[in-house]
Amino acid sequence: MTVTASGPLPAAPYDVAIVGAGVVGCAIARRLAHHPSLRVALVEAQDDVGQGTSKANTAILHTGFDAVPGSLEARLVREGARELAAYAAESGIPVERVGALLVAWDEEQLAALPRLAEKAGRNEYHDTRLLGPDDLYAREPHLGPGALGALHVPGESIICPWTTTLAYATQAVRGGVDLHLDSPVTQACHRDGVYRLTTPRGPLRARRLVNAAGLHADTLDRQLGHDDFTVTPRRGQLIVHDKFARDLVRHILLPVPTALGKGVLVTPTVHGNVLLGPTAEDLDDKRATHSTAEGLARLREQGRRILPALLEEEVTAVYAGLRAATEHEDYRITAHPGQGRVTVGGIRSTGLTASLAIAAHVTGLLAGTGLDLGPRRPPEPVRMPNLGEAFPRPHQRPDLVAADPEYGTLVCHCERVSRGEIRDALASTIPPRSLDGLRRRTRARSGRCQGFYCGAAVRALFEEAQGRAEAQG
């Protein structure tokens, strides 16, 4: 198992290099690990997997009911939702099938609901149901006044996006994929049948290339002679409310969608919080992941109409993510057979749901470029720590605590994270290289105190593990 974050990159050419270790890049790496004769590199600019759009989204497992019928996105979301639901159950990734309500607040929106139900049918989703105001308020008694009706989509679910990406990457690395972190690709060229990727750690060479670079996929494509799309970073700011707010909402509350996206929603999370957001701000800066007072004020104003009581609840955190919007309605997944390359661009908010189906589709396109996949042997299943609030945590399992008392010693009391869980994360296949990475793997420092009480203890455990790793070389 190879995970590197420093030193020169291997000199021998890989069969396939994947640029970008977001949820889609990691899913593709996992899929290629089904073919152990291939030498595969997963190359990531930052110090961990899932550091871009994959870590800052609304964490919804979509049905694809409102995708553009007949589009590639519609098909891959539909297939990916089924695959990911099964994979999550096998791998310990928390999922809750809470369902969604598209709430109509005026006559125009109410008139759009039957058309959305018909669109869902064209996307092979037939379980939607129109609700009148009485039924709607019986389901969501804390909803703001004035709602005229809703479309119920029972299959919409919530999921942990961090664990999903990490599960894919873990399975890929255990299956033989080399993961190279802290390796931003600054230049790329294709000569004599080999790609040469320039990074601060030196060059990396590969015979086939998958461009899964997210916000930077258009830049990499242009370096290689193609100008098929332009990525416009679309910032989505979100507000995370405390777990005391969880009883206010039973479903994902969606607005009737617009051309800019699904709009501002209120959704529970598998971690027990309630999210309000996102905004949809088209920007020029692909690094603008900061929140703004204006954006948060707009969210609160819209949240006041959707769920007025939510504004009385404590805010645990705010964050912002950038989605890779393009000028096209569909995904931009394109094979360049003459160059042995597949570009995976324009993967918006549905990328988490579609990730496994995208990976299968891309693998097929790579084979179409002449890549000999070799024999197929699925990698060993993984079992991830389940961070879901609706599932038993280690400290709640007497058998586990009896066998290892470290699971009964809480370090982070807000999120009920034990020393045993932190120890396991620090010794995992892809260990965290920062306190934020440890937070994503365990929830430590994610609660209402944001590390005020546990921060020193968590940092001490992290630095102790870092010291051991350095001593071992």
Protein backbone atom coordinates (compact mmCIF):
# COMPACT_ATOMS: atom_id res chain seq x y z
CA MET A 1 0.00 0.00 0.00
CA THR A 2 1.52 3.30 -1.11
CA VAL A 3 0.50 6.75 0.10
CA THR A 4 3.08 9.51 -0.35
CA ALA A 5 3.09 13.22 0.46
CA SER A 6 6.75 14.13 -0.03
CA GLY A 7 9.83 13.13 -1.97
CA PRO A 8 10.23 12.47 -5.70
CA LEU A 9 7.48 10.67 -7.57
CA PRO A 10 8.17 7.27 -9.18
CA ALA A 11 10.13 7.45 -12.43
CA ALA A 12 8.54 4.48 -14.23
CA PRO A 13 5.41 5.33 -16.24
CA TYR A 14 2.06 4.28 -14.80
CA ASP A 15 -0.57 2.63 -16.96
CA VAL A 16 -3.13 5.22 -15.78
CA ALA A 17 -2.81 8.47 -13.84
CA ILE A 18 -5.93 10.07 -12.34
CA VAL A 19 -5.60 13.77 -11.56
CA GLY A 20 -7.86 14.77 -8.69
CA ALA A 21 -8.74 12.79 -5.56
CA GLY A 22 -12.24 14.09 -5.01
CA VAL A 23 -15.16 11.69 -4.72
CA VAL A 24 -15.19 11.07 -8.48
CA GLY A 25 -11.42 10.61 -8.84
CA CYS A 26 -11.36 8.24 -5.86
CA ALA A 27 -14.30 6.26 -7.27
CA ILE A 28 -12.45 5.86 -10.58
CA ALA A 29 -9.29 4.75 -8.75
CA ARG A 30 -11.34 2.20 -6.80
CA ARG A 31 -12.87 0.89 -10.02
CA LEU A 32 -9.48 0.53 -11.70
CA ALA A 33 -8.24 -1.35 -8.62
CA HIS A 34 -10.59 -4.13 -9.79
CA HIS A 35 -7.90 -4.79 -12.43
CA PRO A 36 -4.77 -5.57 -10.39
CA SER A 37 -2.47 -5.92 -13.40
CA LEU A 38 -2.73 -2.15 -13.97
CA ARG A 39 -0.33 0.31 -12.35
CA VAL A 40 -2.50 3.25 -11.34
CA ALA A 41 -1.60 6.58 -9.72
CA LEU A 42 -4.09 8.90 -8.02
CA VAL A 43 -2.57 12.38 -7.93
CA GLU A 44 -3.95 15.05 -5.58
CA ALA A 45 -2.90 18.68 -5.17
CA GLN A 46 -3.78 18.92 -1.49
CA ASP A 47 -2.79 16.95 1.61
CA ASP A 48 -5.86 14.71 1.75
CA VAL A 49 -8.53 13.17 -0.42
CA GLY A 50 -11.86 14.91 -0.81
CA GLN A 51 -10.53 18.39 -0.14
CA GLY A 52 -12.46 20.29 -2.81
CA THR A 53 -16.16 20.21 -3.67
CA SER A 54 -16.39 16.74 -2.14
CA LYS A 55 -16.04 18.02 1.42
CA ALA A 56 -18.37 21.02 1.18
CA ASN A 57 -21.75 20.04 -0.19
CA THR A 58 -25.27 19.28 1.01
CA ALA A 59 -24.53 15.53 1.41
CA ILE A 60 -27.68 14.34 -0.36
CA LEU A 61 -27.98 10.98 -2.10
CA HIS A 62 -30.21 11.98 -5.01
CA THR A 63 -32.74 9.88 -6.91
CA GLY A 64 -32.20 11.92 -10.08
CA PHE A 65 -35.90 12.72 -10.30
CA ASP A 66 -35.25 16.26 -11.59
CA ALA A 67 -32.28 15.64 -13.90
CA VAL A 68 -32.56 16.51 -17.60
CA PRO A 69 -34.30 13.43 -19.08
CA GLY A 70 -32.12 11.51 -21.51
CA SER A 71 -28.91 13.20 -20.36
CA LEU A 72 -25.77 11.35 -19.33
CA GLU A 73 -26.14 12.88 -15.88
CA ALA A 74 -29.67 11.48 -15.53
CA ARG A 75 -28.52 7.96 -16.38
CA LEU A 76 -25.44 8.01 -14.18
CA VAL A 77 -27.27 9.52 -11.20
CA ARG A 78 -30.01 6.91 -11.52
CA GLU A 79 -27.51 4.03 -11.71
CA GLY A 80 -25.13 5.55 -9.17
CA ALA A 81 -27.83 6.05 -6.54
CA ARG A 82 -28.60 2.34 -6.50
CA GLU A 83 -24.93 1.36 -6.47
CA LEU A 84 -23.97 3.80 -3.73
CA ALA A 85 -26.87 2.79 -1.48
CA ALA A 86 -25.70 -0.84 -1.67
CA TYR A 87 -22.03 0.12 -1.25
CA ALA A 88 -22.82 2.27 1.78
CA ALA A 89 -24.63 -0.61 3.48
CA GLU A 90 -21.68 -2.91 2.81
CA SER A 91 -19.03 -0.39 3.88
CA GLY A 92 -20.57 1.18 6.98
CA ILE A 93 -21.28 4.57 5.41
CA PRO A 94 -24.27 6.17 7.16
CA VAL A 95 -27.35 6.76 5.00
CA GLU A 96 -30.83 7.83 6.08
CA ARG A 97 -33.75 7.64 3.64
CA VAL A 98 -35.62 10.69 4.94
CA GLY A 99 -37.29 11.67 1.66
CA ALA A 100 -37.70 15.16 0.23
CA LEU A 101 -40.51 17.67 -0.10
CA LEU A 102 -40.44 20.25 -2.89
CA VAL A 103 -42.45 23.01 -1.28
CA ALA A 104 -44.54 25.41 -3.36
CA TRP A 105 -44.92 28.90 -1.88
CA ASP A 106 -46.94 30.54 -4.67
CA GLU A 107 -49.36 29.57 -7.44
CA GLU A 108 -46.63 29.48 -10.11
CA GLN A 109 -44.57 27.01 -8.07
CA LEU A 110 -47.68 24.97 -7.28
CA ALA A 111 -48.46 24.70 -11.00
CA ALA A 112 -44.90 23.45 -11.62
CA LEU A 113 -45.22 20.46 -9.28
CA PRO A 114 -47.19 18.18 -11.66
CA ARG A 115 -44.62 18.93 -14.38
CA LEU A 116 -41.83 17.95 -11.97
CA ALA A 117 -43.67 14.70 -11.18
CA GLU A 118 -43.98 14.00 -14.90
CA LYS A 119 -40.27 14.78 -15.35
CA ALA A 120 -39.46 12.34 -12.55
CA GLY A 121 -41.38 9.66 -14.43
CA ARG A 122 -39.33 10.31 -17.56
CA ASN A 123 -36.27 9.77 -15.35
CA GLU A 124 -37.70 6.37 -14.33
CA TYR A 125 -38.63 7.55 -10.85
CA HIS A 126 -42.31 6.83 -10.25
CA ASP A 127 -42.77 7.21 -6.49
CA THR A 128 -43.49 10.94 -6.29
CA ARG A 129 -46.79 12.13 -4.82
CA LEU A 130 -48.50 15.51 -4.77
CA LEU A 131 -49.45 16.75 -1.31
CA GLY A 132 -51.97 19.37 -0.31
CA PRO A 133 -51.28 21.86 2.48
CA ASP A 134 -52.95 19.76 5.20
CA ASP A 135 -50.86 16.70 4.42
CA LEU A 136 -47.75 18.84 4.05
CA TYR A 137 -48.11 20.51 7.46
CA ALA A 138 -48.93 17.16 9.08
CA ARG A 139 -45.58 15.93 7.84
CA GLU A 140 -43.68 19.14 8.64
CA PRO A 141 -45.47 21.01 11.44
CA HIS A 142 -42.66 23.57 11.86
CA LEU A 143 -42.80 24.67 8.23
CA GLY A 144 -43.34 28.40 7.77
CA PRO A 145 -46.86 29.68 7.04
CA GLY A 146 -48.19 30.06 3.52
CA ALA A 147 -47.05 26.85 1.80
CA LEU A 148 -49.62 25.76 -0.80
CA GLY A 149 -48.51 22.17 -1.35
CA ALA A 150 -45.54 19.97 -2.12
CA LEU A 151 -44.18 17.13 -4.20
CA HIS A 152 -43.05 14.21 -2.02
CA VAL A 153 -39.97 12.34 -3.26
CA PRO A 154 -39.57 9.50 -0.75
CA GLY A 155 -36.32 8.10 -2.18
CA GLU A 156 -34.11 11.13 -1.48
CA SER A 157 -31.57 10.30 1.24
CA ILE A 158 -28.80 11.88 3.29
CA ILE A 159 -25.28 10.42 3.42
CA CYS A 160 -21.81 11.15 4.82
CA PRO A 161 -19.75 12.58 1.92
CA TRP A 162 -16.44 12.46 3.79
CA THR A 163 -16.67 8.77 4.64
CA THR A 164 -17.75 7.92 1.09
CA THR A 165 -14.70 9.53 -0.51
CA LEU A 166 -12.37 8.03 2.08
CA ALA A 167 -13.88 4.56 1.61
CA TYR A 168 -13.26 4.69 -2.14
CA ALA A 169 -9.68 5.88 -1.65
CA THR A 170 -8.97 3.31 1.07
CA GLN A 171 -10.21 0.48 -1.10
CA ALA A 172 -8.20 1.77 -4.06
CA VAL A 173 -4.96 2.02 -2.07
CA ARG A 174 -5.44 -1.41 -0.49
CA GLY A 175 -6.08 -2.71 -4.02
CA GLY A 176 -2.72 -1.44 -5.26
CA VAL A 177 -3.34 2.14 -6.41
CA ASP A 178 -0.56 4.61 -5.50
CA LEU A 179 -1.94 7.77 -3.88
CA HIS A 180 0.33 10.82 -4.22
CA LEU A 181 -0.78 13.78 -2.08
CA ASP A 182 0.62 17.32 -2.10
CA SER A 183 1.27 16.91 -5.83
CA PRO A 184 -0.47 19.73 -7.74
CA VAL A 185 -0.14 19.33 -11.49
CA THR A 186 1.24 22.62 -12.78
CA GLN A 187 1.80 21.56 -16.39
CA ALA A 188 0.93 18.60 -18.58
CA CYS A 189 2.03 17.42 -22.01
CA HIS A 190 1.62 14.31 -24.15
CA ARG A 191 4.57 13.12 -26.21
CA ASP A 192 5.48 9.76 -27.77
CA GLY A 193 2.47 8.09 -26.21
CA VAL A 194 3.29 9.14 -22.65
CA TYR A 195 1.86 11.89 -20.45
CA ARG A 196 4.28 13.96 -18.44
CA LEU A 197 2.71 15.70 -15.46
CA THR A 198 4.83 18.38 -13.84
CA THR A 199 4.47 18.74 -10.07
CA PRO A 200 6.56 20.39 -7.31
CA ARG A 201 7.65 16.86 -6.39
CA GLY A 202 8.98 16.21 -9.86
CA PRO A 203 7.43 14.67 -12.96
CA LEU A 204 4.98 11.79 -13.08
CA ARG A 205 4.51 9.81 -16.28
CA ALA A 206 1.58 7.71 -17.47
CA ARG A 207 0.35 6.11 -20.69
CA ARG A 208 -3.29 6.99 -20.01
CA LEU A 209 -4.72 10.00 -18.20
CA VAL A 210 -8.02 10.66 -16.44
CA ASN A 211 -8.67 14.35 -15.85
CA ALA A 212 -10.86 14.46 -12.73
CA ALA A 213 -9.43 17.77 -11.56
CA GLY A 214 -12.78 19.31 -10.63
CA LEU A 215 -12.59 23.09 -10.63
CA HIS A 216 -9.34 22.90 -12.60
CA ALA A 217 -10.41 20.31 -15.19
CA ASP A 218 -10.76 22.95 -17.91
CA THR A 219 -7.26 24.29 -17.25
CA LEU A 220 -5.70 20.83 -17.53
CA ASP A 221 -7.69 20.09 -20.68
CA ARG A 222 -6.46 23.30 -22.33
CA GLN A 223 -2.85 22.43 -21.53
CA LEU A 224 -3.45 19.27 -23.56
CA GLY A 225 -4.98 21.04 -26.55
CA HIS A 226 -8.72 20.92 -25.89
CA ASP A 227 -11.11 23.75 -25.11
CA ASP A 228 -14.49 22.04 -24.74
CA PHE A 229 -15.82 23.76 -21.63
CA THR A 230 -15.09 26.45 -19.06
CA VAL A 231 -15.48 25.87 -15.34
CA THR A 232 -17.12 28.73 -13.46
CA PRO A 233 -16.75 28.26 -9.72
CA ARG A 234 -20.22 28.48 -8.17
CA ARG A 235 -19.95 29.19 -4.47
CA GLY A 236 -22.43 27.62 -2.12
CA GLN A 237 -22.45 28.95 1.43
CA LEU A 238 -24.13 26.87 4.13
CA ILE A 239 -25.05 27.25 7.79
CA VAL A 240 -24.78 24.26 10.14
CA HIS A 241 -27.24 24.34 13.03
CA ASP A 242 -26.81 22.56 16.34
CA LYS A 243 -28.20 19.09 16.95
CA PHE A 244 -30.96 20.55 19.12
CA ALA A 245 -32.53 21.73 15.84
CA ARG A 246 -32.84 18.20 14.45
CA ASP A 247 -36.42 17.68 15.71
CA LEU A 248 -37.61 20.67 13.68
CA VAL A 249 -37.36 18.91 10.32
CA ARG A 250 -38.23 15.40 9.15
CA HIS A 251 -37.50 15.62 5.41
CA ILE A 252 -35.16 17.39 3.03
CA LEU A 253 -37.08 20.61 2.31
CA LEU A 254 -36.41 21.68 -1.27
CA PRO A 255 -37.57 24.73 -3.21
CA VAL A 256 -38.93 24.38 -6.69
CA PRO A 257 -35.66 24.37 -8.73
CA THR A 258 -34.44 27.18 -10.97
CA ALA A 259 -31.85 27.43 -13.73
CA LEU A 260 -29.15 28.22 -11.14
CA GLY A 261 -29.66 24.99 -9.24
CA LYS A 262 -31.81 23.37 -6.65
CA GLY A 263 -31.89 26.55 -4.58
CA VAL A 264 -31.82 27.05 -0.84
CA LEU A 265 -32.87 24.01 1.13
CA VAL A 266 -33.15 22.86 4.70
CA THR A 267 -31.90 19.35 5.33
CA PRO A 268 -30.98 17.16 8.25
CA THR A 269 -27.55 15.54 8.14
CA VAL A 270 -26.51 12.03 9.12
CA HIS A 271 -24.43 13.65 11.88
CA GLY A 272 -27.57 15.01 13.55
CA ASN A 273 -27.27 18.66 12.50
CA VAL A 274 -29.51 20.75 10.23
CA LEU A 275 -28.11 22.50 7.15
CA LEU A 276 -29.46 25.69 5.60
CA GLY A 277 -28.19 26.58 2.15
CA PRO A 278 -26.53 26.72 -0.30
CA THR A 279 -26.23 30.06 -2.02
CA ALA A 280 -25.40 29.99 -5.75
CA GLU A 281 -22.81 32.67 -6.56
CA ASP A 282 -20.90 32.49 -9.84
CA LEU A 283 -17.36 33.77 -9.26
CA ASP A 284 -14.03 34.12 -11.04
CA ASP A 285 -11.82 32.99 -8.15
CA LYS A 286 -11.43 29.21 -7.82
CA ARG A 287 -10.10 29.66 -4.28
CA ALA A 288 -12.96 31.76 -2.87
CA THR A 289 -14.21 29.28 -0.28
CA HIS A 290 -14.80 31.91 2.39
CA SER A 291 -18.22 32.79 3.74
CA THR A 292 -19.59 36.33 3.48
CA ALA A 293 -21.85 38.34 5.75
CA GLU A 294 -24.13 39.12 2.80
CA GLY A 295 -24.44 35.48 1.77
CA LEU A 296 -25.20 34.27 5.27
CA ALA A 297 -27.75 37.06 5.78
CA ARG A 298 -29.53 36.00 2.56
CA LEU A 299 -29.62 32.41 3.77
CA ARG A 300 -31.12 33.40 7.10
CA GLU A 301 -33.75 35.51 5.36
CA GLN A 302 -34.80 32.60 3.17
CA GLY A 303 -34.57 30.19 6.08
CA ARG A 304 -36.98 32.39 8.04
CA ARG A 305 -39.69 31.63 5.50
CA ILE A 306 -38.97 27.90 5.21
CA LEU A 307 -38.52 27.01 8.87
CA PRO A 308 -38.87 30.06 11.14
CA ALA A 309 -37.95 28.23 14.37
CA LEU A 310 -34.59 27.27 12.87
CA LEU A 311 -33.34 30.83 13.25
CA GLU A 312 -33.76 30.54 17.01
CA GLU A 313 -31.35 27.59 17.15
CA GLU A 314 -27.61 27.79 17.74
CA VAL A 315 -25.29 27.86 14.74
CA THR A 316 -22.46 25.34 15.08
CA ALA A 317 -20.49 26.30 11.96
CA VAL A 318 -20.63 27.94 8.54
CA TYR A 319 -18.77 26.83 5.45
CA ALA A 320 -18.65 27.36 1.71
CA GLY A 321 -17.83 25.09 -1.19
CA LEU A 322 -17.27 25.66 -4.90
CA ARG A 323 -19.14 23.62 -7.49
CA ALA A 324 -17.72 23.14 -10.99
CA ALA A 325 -20.43 24.78 -13.07
CA THR A 326 -19.98 24.95 -16.84
CA GLU A 327 -21.87 26.48 -19.76
CA HIS A 328 -23.37 23.05 -20.51
CA GLU A 329 -26.40 21.41 -18.88
CA ASP A 330 -24.83 17.95 -18.82
CA TYR A 331 -21.66 16.37 -17.48
CA ARG A 332 -18.64 16.83 -19.74
CA ILE A 333 -17.25 13.29 -19.78
CA THR A 334 -15.30 12.85 -22.99
CA ALA A 335 -12.83 10.29 -24.30
CA HIS A 336 -9.91 11.39 -26.48
CA PRO A 337 -8.89 8.00 -27.92
CA GLY A 338 -6.01 9.35 -29.98
CA GLN A 339 -4.42 10.71 -26.81
CA GLY A 340 -5.46 7.94 -24.43
CA ARG A 341 -7.30 10.35 -22.18
CA VAL A 342 -10.70 10.74 -20.55
CA THR A 343 -11.89 14.11 -19.27
CA VAL A 344 -14.41 14.11 -16.43
CA GLY A 345 -15.62 17.71 -16.19
CA GLY A 346 -18.64 19.70 -15.10
CA ILE A 347 -19.57 17.26 -12.33
CA ARG A 348 -21.86 19.38 -10.19
CA SER A 349 -23.78 18.64 -7.00
CA THR A 350 -24.90 15.21 -8.19
CA GLY A 351 -21.33 13.89 -8.46
CA LEU A 352 -21.42 12.18 -5.07
CA THR A 353 -24.54 10.23 -6.01
CA ALA A 354 -23.29 9.36 -9.49
CA SER A 355 -19.69 8.61 -8.49
CA LEU A 356 -19.71 4.81 -8.80
CA ALA A 357 -21.60 4.92 -12.11
CA ILE A 358 -19.24 7.62 -13.42
CA ALA A 359 -16.32 5.36 -12.47
CA ALA A 360 -17.76 2.44 -14.42
CA HIS A 361 -18.49 4.68 -17.42
CA VAL A 362 -14.95 6.14 -17.40
CA THR A 363 -13.40 2.68 -17.12
CA GLY A 364 -15.33 1.65 -20.22
CA LEU A 365 -14.11 4.75 -22.06
CA LEU A 366 -10.51 3.97 -21.06
CA ALA A 367 -10.89 0.47 -22.46
CA GLY A 368 -12.18 2.08 -25.65
CA THR A 369 -8.90 4.00 -25.98
CA GLY A 370 -7.09 0.67 -26.23
CA LEU A 371 -6.21 0.16 -22.56
CA ASP A 372 -5.97 -3.54 -21.76
CA LEU A 373 -7.69 -3.78 -18.38
CA GLY A 374 -6.47 -7.32 -17.78
CA PRO A 375 -8.23 -9.78 -15.48
CA ARG A 376 -10.86 -8.47 -13.09
CA ARG A 377 -10.62 -9.16 -9.37
CA PRO A 378 -12.67 -6.95 -7.03
CA PRO A 379 -10.68 -5.53 -4.10
CA GLU A 380 -11.47 -6.63 -0.58
CA PRO A 381 -14.48 -4.85 0.95
CA VAL A 382 -13.81 -2.10 3.46
CA ARG A 383 -15.66 -1.37 6.68
CA MET A 384 -15.52 2.30 7.64
CA PRO A 385 -16.23 3.89 11.04
CA ASN A 386 -19.91 4.78 11.03
CA LEU A 387 -20.23 8.43 12.07
CA GLY A 388 -24.03 8.59 11.76
CA GLU A 389 -26.10 9.89 14.66
CA ALA A 390 -28.78 7.25 14.00
CA PHE A 391 -26.31 4.39 14.37
CA PRO A 392 -24.52 3.04 17.47
CA ARG A 393 -21.14 4.62 18.14
CA PRO A 394 -18.26 2.61 19.68
CA HIS A 395 -18.77 4.02 23.21
CA GLN A 396 -22.36 2.69 23.11
CA ARG A 397 -21.26 -0.90 22.45
CA PRO A 398 -20.42 -2.71 25.70
CA ASP A 399 -18.73 -5.58 23.85
CA LEU A 400 -16.34 -3.21 22.08
CA VAL A 401 -15.55 -1.23 25.22
CA ALA A 402 -14.95 -4.44 27.20
CA ALA A 403 -12.52 -5.68 24.54
CA ASP A 404 -10.76 -2.28 24.23
CA PRO A 405 -11.41 0.34 26.96
CA GLU A 406 -10.05 3.07 24.70
CA TYR A 407 -13.45 3.05 22.97
CA GLY A 408 -15.05 3.96 26.28
CA THR A 409 -12.82 6.97 26.96
CA LEU A 410 -14.40 10.06 25.36
CA VAL A 411 -12.14 12.84 24.13
CA CYS A 412 -14.68 14.96 22.23
CA HIS A 413 -17.85 15.07 24.33
CA CYS A 414 -19.95 17.15 21.91
CA GLU A 415 -19.65 14.47 19.22
CA ARG A 416 -18.90 11.58 21.61
CA VAL A 417 -15.62 10.61 19.96
CA SER A 418 -13.43 8.16 21.85
CA ARG A 419 -9.66 7.80 22.10
CA GLY A 420 -10.02 4.48 20.30
CA GLU A 421 -11.64 6.11 17.26
CA ILE A 422 -8.97 8.80 17.09
CA ARG A 423 -6.24 6.18 17.46
CA ASP A 424 -7.76 4.10 14.65
CA ALA A 425 -8.01 7.10 12.31
CA LEU A 426 -4.41 8.09 12.95
CA ALA A 427 -3.26 4.55 12.10
CA SER A 428 -5.54 4.04 9.10
CA THR A 429 -4.59 3.28 5.50
CA ILE A 430 -4.82 6.97 4.60
CA PRO A 431 -4.10 8.77 7.88
CA PRO A 432 -5.02 12.42 8.34
CA ARG A 433 -2.27 14.98 7.81
CA SER A 434 -4.07 17.80 9.60
CA LEU A 435 -6.51 18.34 12.43
CA ASP A 436 -9.21 19.04 9.86
CA GLY A 437 -8.49 15.68 8.26
CA LEU A 438 -8.88 14.04 11.65
CA ARG A 439 -12.15 15.93 12.14
CA ARG A 440 -13.54 14.52 8.90
CA ARG A 441 -12.60 10.97 9.90
CA THR A 442 -13.94 11.06 13.46
CA ARG A 443 -16.12 14.19 13.99
CA ALA A 444 -13.75 15.31 16.78
CA ARG A 445 -13.94 19.13 17.16
CA SER A 446 -17.08 19.29 14.97
CA GLY A 447 -19.61 19.85 17.75
CA ARG A 448 -21.10 22.90 19.37
CA CYS A 449 -17.88 23.93 21.14
CA GLN A 450 -15.83 23.56 17.92
CA GLY A 451 -12.90 22.14 19.87
CA PHE A 452 -12.88 24.68 22.72
CA TYR A 453 -12.85 21.88 25.31
CA CYS A 454 -11.31 18.95 23.46
CA GLY A 455 -8.98 20.81 21.08
CA ALA A 456 -5.83 20.49 23.20
CA ALA A 457 -6.36 16.78 23.85
CA VAL A 458 -7.11 16.06 20.19
CA ARG A 459 -4.06 18.02 19.08
CA ALA A 460 -1.85 16.13 21.56
CA LEU A 461 -3.00 12.77 20.18
CA PHE A 462 -2.48 13.99 16.62
CA GLU A 463 1.02 15.34 17.27
CA GLU A 464 1.99 12.18 19.15
CA ALA A 465 1.01 10.11 16.10
CA GLN A 466 2.85 12.50 13.78
CA GLY A 467 5.97 12.13 15.92
CA ARG A 468 5.80 8.35 15.77
CA ALA A 469 5.38 8.43 12.00
CA GLU A 470 8.40 10.72 11.59
CA ALA A 471 10.51 8.52 13.87
CA GLN A 472 9.66 5.49 11.75
CA GLY A 473 10.79 7.38 8.67
